[in-house]
Protein backbone atom coordinates (compact mmCIF):
# COMPACT_ATOMS: atom_id res chain seq x y z
CA MET A 1 3.21 -5.33 -27.12
CA ALA A 2 6.08 -6.81 -29.09
CA THR A 3 10.02 -5.61 -28.20
CA ASP A 4 10.37 -4.04 -31.58
CA LYS A 5 7.42 -3.89 -34.43
CA GLN A 6 9.77 -5.06 -36.98
CA THR A 7 10.99 -8.30 -35.09
CA PRO A 8 8.73 -9.38 -32.57
CA LEU A 9 9.82 -10.88 -29.84
CA ARG A 10 10.71 -15.43 -30.39
CA VAL A 11 11.10 -17.40 -27.73
CA LEU A 12 11.54 -21.30 -27.59
CA ILE A 13 11.19 -23.13 -24.26
CA ALA A 14 12.71 -25.88 -23.85
CA GLY A 15 12.78 -28.78 -21.71
CA GLY A 16 9.61 -31.11 -19.68
CA GLY A 17 9.15 -34.38 -18.76
CA THR A 18 7.05 -33.44 -15.79
CA GLY A 19 4.03 -31.37 -14.30
CA GLY A 20 7.40 -29.45 -12.62
CA HIS A 21 9.11 -28.07 -15.61
CA ILE A 22 6.66 -27.77 -17.94
CA ILE A 23 3.45 -26.32 -16.31
CA PRO A 24 5.59 -23.25 -14.73
CA ALA A 25 7.24 -23.12 -18.78
CA LEU A 26 3.70 -22.80 -19.49
CA ALA A 27 2.78 -20.13 -17.12
CA ILE A 28 6.04 -17.94 -18.44
CA ALA A 29 4.91 -18.11 -22.13
CA ARG A 30 1.37 -16.95 -21.61
CA VAL A 31 2.98 -13.91 -19.86
CA LEU A 32 5.52 -13.68 -23.09
CA LYS A 33 2.73 -13.75 -25.24
CA GLU A 34 0.41 -11.74 -23.75
CA GLN A 35 2.15 -9.22 -22.47
CA TYR A 36 4.51 -9.11 -25.02
CA GLY A 37 2.77 -10.09 -28.11
CA ALA A 38 6.04 -13.01 -28.34
CA GLU A 39 5.67 -15.95 -30.90
CA VAL A 40 6.84 -19.40 -28.36
CA ARG A 41 7.54 -22.30 -29.18
CA PHE A 42 8.77 -25.35 -27.31
CA VAL A 43 10.59 -28.49 -27.98
CA GLY A 44 10.50 -31.64 -25.84
CA THR A 45 10.31 -35.88 -26.13
CA ALA A 46 7.42 -37.68 -27.54
CA ARG A 47 7.00 -39.20 -23.86
CA GLY A 48 7.14 -35.96 -21.45
CA LEU A 49 3.75 -34.36 -20.33
CA GLU A 50 4.47 -31.21 -23.08
CA THR A 51 3.32 -33.87 -25.68
CA ARG A 52 -0.17 -33.23 -23.92
CA LEU A 53 -0.10 -29.88 -21.90
CA VAL A 54 1.84 -28.09 -24.75
CA PRO A 55 -0.82 -28.93 -28.15
CA GLN A 56 -3.90 -28.27 -24.86
CA ALA A 57 -3.06 -24.59 -24.89
CA GLY A 58 -2.07 -23.77 -28.14
CA TYR A 59 1.87 -23.61 -28.90
CA LYS A 60 3.77 -25.64 -31.17
CA LEU A 61 6.06 -28.51 -30.04
CA GLU A 62 9.27 -29.57 -31.63
CA LEU A 63 10.22 -32.72 -31.08
CA VAL A 64 14.03 -34.36 -30.60
CA LYS A 65 15.21 -37.73 -29.43
CA VAL A 66 17.28 -37.86 -26.03
CA GLY A 67 17.23 -40.13 -23.26
CA GLN A 68 17.97 -40.31 -19.62
CA LEU A 69 21.45 -40.46 -17.95
CA LYS A 70 20.85 -40.72 -14.31
CA ASN A 71 19.38 -43.21 -12.55
CA VAL A 72 19.71 -45.76 -15.73
CA SER A 73 21.15 -49.29 -16.98
CA LEU A 74 24.52 -48.52 -18.60
CA GLU A 75 22.07 -49.36 -22.24
CA THR A 76 20.35 -46.66 -21.49
CA LYS A 77 22.52 -44.34 -21.35
CA ILE A 78 25.16 -45.82 -24.13
CA ARG A 79 22.09 -44.90 -26.06
CA THR A 80 21.48 -41.82 -25.21
CA MET A 81 25.21 -40.79 -25.46
CA LEU A 82 24.89 -41.46 -29.18
CA ASP A 83 21.26 -39.77 -29.55
CA LEU A 84 22.54 -36.49 -28.23
CA PRO A 85 24.87 -35.51 -31.20
CA LEU A 86 21.51 -36.01 -33.53
CA SER A 87 19.68 -34.10 -30.68
CA LEU A 88 21.90 -31.93 -30.82
CA PHE A 89 22.22 -30.95 -34.53
CA THR A 90 18.28 -31.15 -34.61
CA CYS A 91 18.64 -28.25 -32.16
CA ILE A 92 20.56 -26.39 -34.48
CA GLY A 93 18.37 -27.00 -37.50
CA LEU A 94 15.26 -25.81 -35.33
CA LEU A 95 17.01 -22.55 -33.99
CA MET A 96 17.47 -21.75 -38.06
CA ARG A 97 14.10 -22.24 -38.81
CA PHE A 98 12.67 -20.50 -36.61
CA ARG A 99 15.44 -18.01 -35.37
CA PRO A 100 14.10 -17.32 -31.89
CA GLN A 101 15.69 -14.05 -29.56
CA VAL A 102 15.87 -16.46 -26.63
CA VAL A 103 16.07 -20.21 -25.71
CA VAL A 104 14.57 -20.69 -22.40
CA GLY A 105 15.44 -24.39 -20.68
CA VAL A 106 13.18 -25.23 -18.30
CA GLY A 107 15.10 -28.40 -17.10
CA GLY A 108 14.09 -32.08 -18.45
CA TYR A 109 15.63 -34.33 -21.22
CA ALA A 110 14.99 -31.46 -24.40
CA SER A 111 16.48 -29.48 -21.90
CA GLY A 112 19.80 -30.04 -22.29
CA PRO A 113 20.50 -30.61 -26.25
CA ALA A 114 18.84 -27.18 -27.34
CA MET A 115 20.52 -25.28 -24.50
CA GLY A 116 23.43 -26.84 -25.57
CA ALA A 117 22.76 -25.57 -29.69
CA ALA A 118 21.92 -22.38 -28.48
CA ILE A 119 24.79 -21.70 -26.78
CA LEU A 120 27.04 -23.06 -29.77
CA TRP A 121 24.90 -20.87 -32.06
CA GLY A 122 25.16 -17.35 -30.47
CA THR A 123 21.45 -17.62 -28.92
CA PRO A 124 21.07 -15.65 -25.91
CA THR A 125 20.02 -17.96 -23.06
CA LEU A 126 18.22 -18.24 -19.61
CA ALA A 127 17.49 -21.81 -18.00
CA PHE A 128 15.16 -22.38 -15.68
CA GLU A 129 15.70 -24.18 -12.07
CA PRO A 130 12.49 -24.92 -10.21
CA ASN A 131 14.62 -27.00 -7.84
CA ALA A 132 16.96 -26.41 -4.58
CA ALA A 133 19.47 -28.60 -6.58
CA PRO A 134 19.86 -28.16 -10.19
CA GLY A 135 19.55 -31.03 -12.01
CA LEU A 136 22.13 -32.33 -14.54
CA ALA A 137 21.09 -30.76 -17.99
CA ASN A 138 20.74 -27.85 -16.25
CA ARG A 139 23.95 -28.21 -13.77
CA ILE A 140 25.88 -28.83 -16.90
CA ILE A 141 24.99 -25.52 -18.96
CA GLY A 142 24.68 -23.70 -15.95
CA ARG A 143 28.37 -21.88 -16.28
CA PHE A 144 27.15 -21.02 -20.21
CA VAL A 145 23.84 -19.89 -20.25
CA SER A 146 23.58 -15.72 -20.19
CA ALA A 147 21.07 -15.71 -17.21
CA ALA A 148 19.27 -17.71 -14.96
CA ALA A 149 15.88 -18.06 -13.22
CA VAL A 150 15.58 -20.06 -9.93
CA ASN A 151 13.42 -20.68 -7.29
CA PHE A 152 15.59 -21.43 -4.25
CA ALA A 153 18.85 -19.83 -3.32
CA PRO A 154 21.00 -22.23 -2.52
CA ALA A 155 20.44 -22.74 -6.72
CA ALA A 156 21.77 -19.72 -8.15
CA ALA A 157 25.47 -20.63 -6.94
CA HIS A 158 25.16 -22.93 -10.04
CA PHE A 159 24.67 -20.18 -12.56
CA ARG A 160 25.62 -17.26 -13.98
CA LYS A 161 23.20 -13.55 -13.25
CA ALA A 162 21.16 -15.61 -11.26
CA GLU A 163 17.83 -14.35 -9.84
CA VAL A 164 15.72 -15.29 -7.61
CA THR A 165 12.17 -15.34 -8.75
CA GLY A 166 10.53 -17.91 -7.42
CA ILE A 167 8.29 -20.99 -9.37
CA PRO A 168 5.00 -19.67 -11.55
CA VAL A 169 2.14 -20.98 -8.93
CA ARG A 170 -1.68 -20.26 -10.54
CA ALA A 171 -3.38 -16.78 -9.00
CA GLU A 172 -6.13 -18.50 -7.03
CA PHE A 173 -3.30 -20.62 -4.62
CA PHE A 174 -2.15 -16.26 -3.06
CA SER A 175 -5.84 -15.85 -1.83
CA VAL A 176 -6.49 -19.24 -0.17
CA PRO A 177 -8.54 -17.98 2.95
CA GLY A 178 -7.05 -19.72 6.40
CA PRO A 179 -9.52 -22.91 7.69
CA GLY A 180 -10.73 -20.61 10.44
CA VAL A 181 -10.55 -20.62 14.10
CA ASP A 182 -13.69 -22.31 14.77
CA HIS A 183 -12.81 -24.93 11.69
CA ALA A 184 -12.24 -28.40 12.68
CA PRO A 185 -8.69 -29.74 12.18
CA HIS A 186 -8.53 -30.89 8.85
CA LEU A 187 -5.26 -33.01 7.01
CA LEU A 188 -5.10 -32.88 3.26
CA VAL A 189 -2.41 -36.13 2.24
CA PHE A 190 -0.93 -34.99 -0.99
CA GLY A 191 0.89 -36.94 -2.93
CA GLY A 192 1.27 -35.42 -6.61
CA SER A 193 -1.01 -35.74 -9.59
CA GLN A 194 0.37 -39.84 -9.37
CA GLY A 195 0.25 -40.46 -5.79
CA ALA A 196 2.68 -41.54 -3.84
CA ARG A 197 3.44 -45.14 -2.40
CA ILE A 198 4.46 -43.89 1.25
CA LEU A 199 1.65 -41.63 1.02
CA ASN A 200 -0.94 -45.02 0.59
CA GLU A 201 0.69 -47.23 2.37
CA LEU A 202 1.69 -45.64 5.76
CA MET A 203 -1.92 -43.93 6.39
CA PRO A 204 -4.43 -46.13 6.87
CA LYS A 205 -2.06 -47.66 8.99
CA ILE A 206 -2.14 -44.53 11.41
CA VAL A 207 -5.62 -43.33 10.63
CA ALA A 208 -7.73 -45.04 13.66
CA HIS A 209 -4.89 -43.38 15.81
CA LEU A 210 -4.95 -39.90 14.11
CA LEU A 211 -9.05 -39.43 13.97
CA ALA A 212 -8.53 -40.93 17.96
CA ALA A 213 -5.91 -38.60 19.23
CA VAL A 214 -7.50 -35.22 17.36
CA PRO A 215 -10.77 -34.72 18.04
CA GLY A 216 -13.00 -33.65 15.07
CA LEU A 217 -10.02 -33.72 12.73
CA THR A 218 -10.98 -34.93 9.62
CA ILE A 219 -8.51 -36.43 6.41
CA LEU A 220 -8.62 -35.92 2.38
CA HIS A 221 -6.09 -38.00 0.84
CA GLN A 222 -5.70 -37.97 -2.93
CA ALA A 223 -3.89 -41.07 -3.68
CA GLY A 224 -3.30 -41.19 -7.10
CA ALA A 225 -5.38 -42.62 -10.34
CA ARG A 226 -3.52 -45.86 -10.09
CA HIS A 227 -3.29 -46.58 -6.04
CA ALA A 228 -6.89 -44.75 -4.73
CA GLU A 229 -9.06 -47.66 -5.07
CA SER A 230 -6.26 -50.32 -2.94
CA THR A 231 -5.57 -47.15 -0.49
CA GLN A 232 -9.30 -46.78 0.81
CA SER A 233 -9.60 -50.84 1.15
CA ALA A 234 -6.70 -49.71 3.22
CA TYR A 235 -8.57 -46.90 5.15
CA LEU A 236 -11.44 -49.56 5.22
CA LEU A 237 -9.70 -52.31 6.53
CA SER A 238 -8.38 -50.02 9.18
CA GLY A 239 -11.69 -49.73 10.84
CA ALA A 240 -11.45 -45.73 11.29
CA ASP A 241 -14.79 -44.07 11.38
CA THR A 242 -15.95 -43.57 7.18
CA SER A 243 -17.43 -40.44 7.83
CA ARG A 244 -14.16 -38.47 8.69
CA TRP A 245 -11.94 -40.04 5.68
CA GLN A 246 -11.60 -39.43 1.81
CA VAL A 247 -9.58 -41.06 -0.32
CA SER A 248 -9.69 -39.12 -3.58
CA GLU A 249 -8.21 -40.58 -7.00
CA PHE A 250 -7.09 -37.03 -8.45
CA LEU A 251 -8.58 -33.36 -6.96
CA ASP A 252 -9.25 -30.25 -9.29
CA ASP A 253 -9.34 -27.21 -7.46
CA MET A 254 -6.73 -27.65 -5.39
CA ALA A 255 -6.44 -24.18 -3.70
CA SER A 256 -9.81 -24.57 -2.61
CA GLN A 257 -8.49 -28.14 -1.16
CA PHE A 258 -5.25 -26.26 1.04
CA GLY A 259 -7.52 -23.51 2.16
CA ARG A 260 -9.36 -26.24 3.98
CA ALA A 261 -6.71 -27.75 5.79
CA ASN A 262 -5.09 -26.84 8.44
CA LEU A 263 -2.08 -29.16 7.59
CA VAL A 264 -0.60 -30.71 4.71
CA LEU A 265 1.22 -34.39 4.42
CA ALA A 266 3.30 -33.67 0.81
CA ARG A 267 6.30 -34.85 -0.99
CA SER A 268 8.28 -31.96 -1.57
CA GLY A 269 8.58 -31.54 -5.65
CA ALA A 270 9.21 -28.00 -6.81
CA SER A 271 5.45 -26.97 -7.84
CA THR A 272 4.13 -28.74 -4.46
CA VAL A 273 6.52 -26.44 -2.40
CA ALA A 274 5.74 -23.42 -4.21
CA GLU A 275 2.35 -24.41 -3.98
CA LEU A 276 2.10 -24.79 -0.51
CA ALA A 277 4.02 -21.08 0.42
CA ALA A 278 1.82 -19.17 -1.90
CA ALA A 279 -1.03 -20.44 0.42
CA GLY A 280 0.44 -20.60 3.18
CA LYS A 281 -0.41 -23.24 3.86
CA PRO A 282 2.01 -26.02 7.04
CA SER A 283 3.06 -28.78 6.13
CA LEU A 284 4.66 -32.20 7.10
CA LEU A 285 6.72 -32.64 4.15
CA ILE A 286 8.61 -36.70 2.87
CA PRO A 287 10.78 -36.18 -0.01
CA PHE A 288 11.01 -38.51 -1.93
CA ALA A 289 14.29 -40.33 -1.68
CA ALA A 290 14.72 -41.39 -5.40
CA ALA A 291 14.89 -37.93 -6.97
CA ALA A 292 17.49 -37.09 -9.08
CA ASP A 293 19.47 -35.55 -7.52
CA ASP A 294 17.93 -35.79 -4.36
CA HIS A 295 16.35 -32.31 -5.03
CA GLN A 296 12.98 -32.90 -3.46
CA ARG A 297 15.83 -33.29 0.14
CA ARG A 298 16.77 -29.78 -0.68
CA ASN A 299 13.63 -28.73 -1.15
CA ALA A 300 11.97 -29.86 2.42
CA GLU A 301 15.20 -28.18 3.75
CA VAL A 302 14.66 -24.58 2.26
CA LEU A 303 11.10 -24.58 3.57
CA ALA A 304 11.92 -26.57 6.56
CA THR A 305 14.83 -23.90 7.98
CA ALA A 306 12.17 -20.90 6.96
CA GLY A 307 9.77 -22.82 9.79
CA ALA A 308 7.63 -23.22 7.41
CA ALA A 309 7.43 -27.21 7.46
CA GLU A 310 8.79 -29.74 9.42
CA MET A 311 10.47 -32.73 7.27
CA ILE A 312 10.76 -36.38 7.86
CA LEU A 313 13.45 -38.35 5.29
CA GLU A 314 11.68 -41.45 4.22
CA SER A 315 14.44 -43.61 5.55
CA GLU A 316 12.80 -42.25 8.82
CA ALA A 317 9.08 -42.14 7.96
CA THR A 318 7.86 -45.16 10.16
CA PRO A 319 3.88 -45.56 11.28
CA ASP A 320 4.86 -44.32 14.89
CA ARG A 321 7.52 -41.13 13.43
CA VAL A 322 4.78 -39.60 11.35
CA ALA A 323 2.34 -40.45 13.39
CA GLU A 324 3.58 -38.49 16.83
CA ALA A 325 4.71 -35.60 14.18
CA LEU A 326 1.11 -34.90 12.49
CA VAL A 327 -0.41 -35.81 16.31
CA GLY A 328 1.70 -32.81 17.45
CA LEU A 329 1.35 -30.35 14.93
CA LEU A 330 -2.33 -30.30 15.16
CA HIS A 331 -2.36 -30.01 18.54
CA ASP A 332 -0.32 -26.50 18.10
CA GLN A 333 -2.27 -23.87 16.90
CA GLU A 334 0.31 -21.36 17.33
CA CYS A 335 3.08 -23.55 15.58
CA LEU A 336 0.63 -23.96 12.17
CA HIS A 337 0.60 -20.23 13.22
CA ARG A 338 3.77 -19.37 12.62
CA MET A 339 4.65 -22.09 9.44
CA SER A 340 1.97 -20.50 7.80
CA VAL A 341 3.67 -16.71 8.22
CA ALA A 342 6.89 -17.88 7.48
CA ALA A 343 5.05 -19.90 4.34
CA ARG A 344 4.19 -16.92 2.93
CA GLY A 345 7.25 -15.23 3.39
CA LEU A 346 8.74 -17.61 0.30
CA ALA A 347 6.02 -17.14 -2.26
CA HIS A 348 7.01 -15.50 -5.29
CA ARG A 349 3.55 -14.19 -6.29
CA ASP A 350 5.05 -12.62 -9.02
CA ALA A 351 7.50 -15.32 -10.97
CA ALA A 352 6.16 -15.54 -14.28
CA GLU A 353 6.08 -11.51 -15.13
CA ARG A 354 9.80 -11.55 -13.05
CA ILE A 355 11.24 -14.18 -15.62
CA ALA A 356 9.60 -12.85 -18.96
CA ALA A 357 11.31 -9.25 -18.16
CA GLN A 358 14.24 -11.87 -17.90
CA VAL A 359 13.24 -12.90 -21.43
CA VAL A 360 12.53 -9.60 -22.82
CA GLU A 361 15.85 -8.13 -21.37
CA LEU A 362 18.15 -10.88 -22.75
CA SER A 363 16.48 -10.28 -26.01
CA ARG A 364 17.35 -6.22 -26.59
CA LYS A 365 21.20 -7.68 -25.56
């Protein structure tokens, strides 16, 4: 239902770039549309995943020209600073045409100018922060937004009126069954949709040892489209039993793959850790050292502190260290059970609904 028959709810969602930003944003948009009759429009950049995912989901996407400021060359920083005034005015023009009651910033390149324009224009704003350490755009506007929805409690300190809502996660992750007591041990190696180079290089070095040390163990390794062939070749050269491991480019049904696994070896992007929590899945996390603002380490620390995961920093992730940690965990069923319970304790089943409710509350003010 719409919040007002005369003035249907209009919401502008700004940001994107990676799946960690745009996939939760689409989940929020779906709830706003289906439960509140909202008209939702997105603003992003031409080089983000939003150019493919937003139109596929049936929403209109407006583009602004804005680049990076973190971990880039001085030339790129100067170009971005020169582009910012134009992107800000472009967003003000969009606000004048679309007249949203609320602007939601999900992080990423376009989030900064869109949220800045909304603050200047007097439009209520909601910042969504999926990481334990907010990105640059959200840190800049955090003190000025009307409210915020965060995934991890430590991020709340950077915003006004922050609520810990979690990240929207597909419903099937919450109903993932455990592998069962009599199920042979199974390790899922997951480097995100693009794969992770450190996992692709490290696992072939230790796979033979793992299979020998853990009787009955099987391994499924998602390596990414660009690296699957070379990763598979490295596994073959290891001499490990080919019937007990599999390398895949991409995994379609991630919830089912999580269900099969006793343990997940992964990076610690926001969406990955949210899915691990929803599925109650024990994990060994190796944060991406070059992630902006070191947010992957902060994400992994939250799970590790709660007892839901173990963490090894990338600089310390030697083959021996990782192999020892994996073997120790796979042999300790009681520990895996405790980690599973702790992971589920961090999950937020109704994240999208709670964030949408925040949007509606702001629109009524």
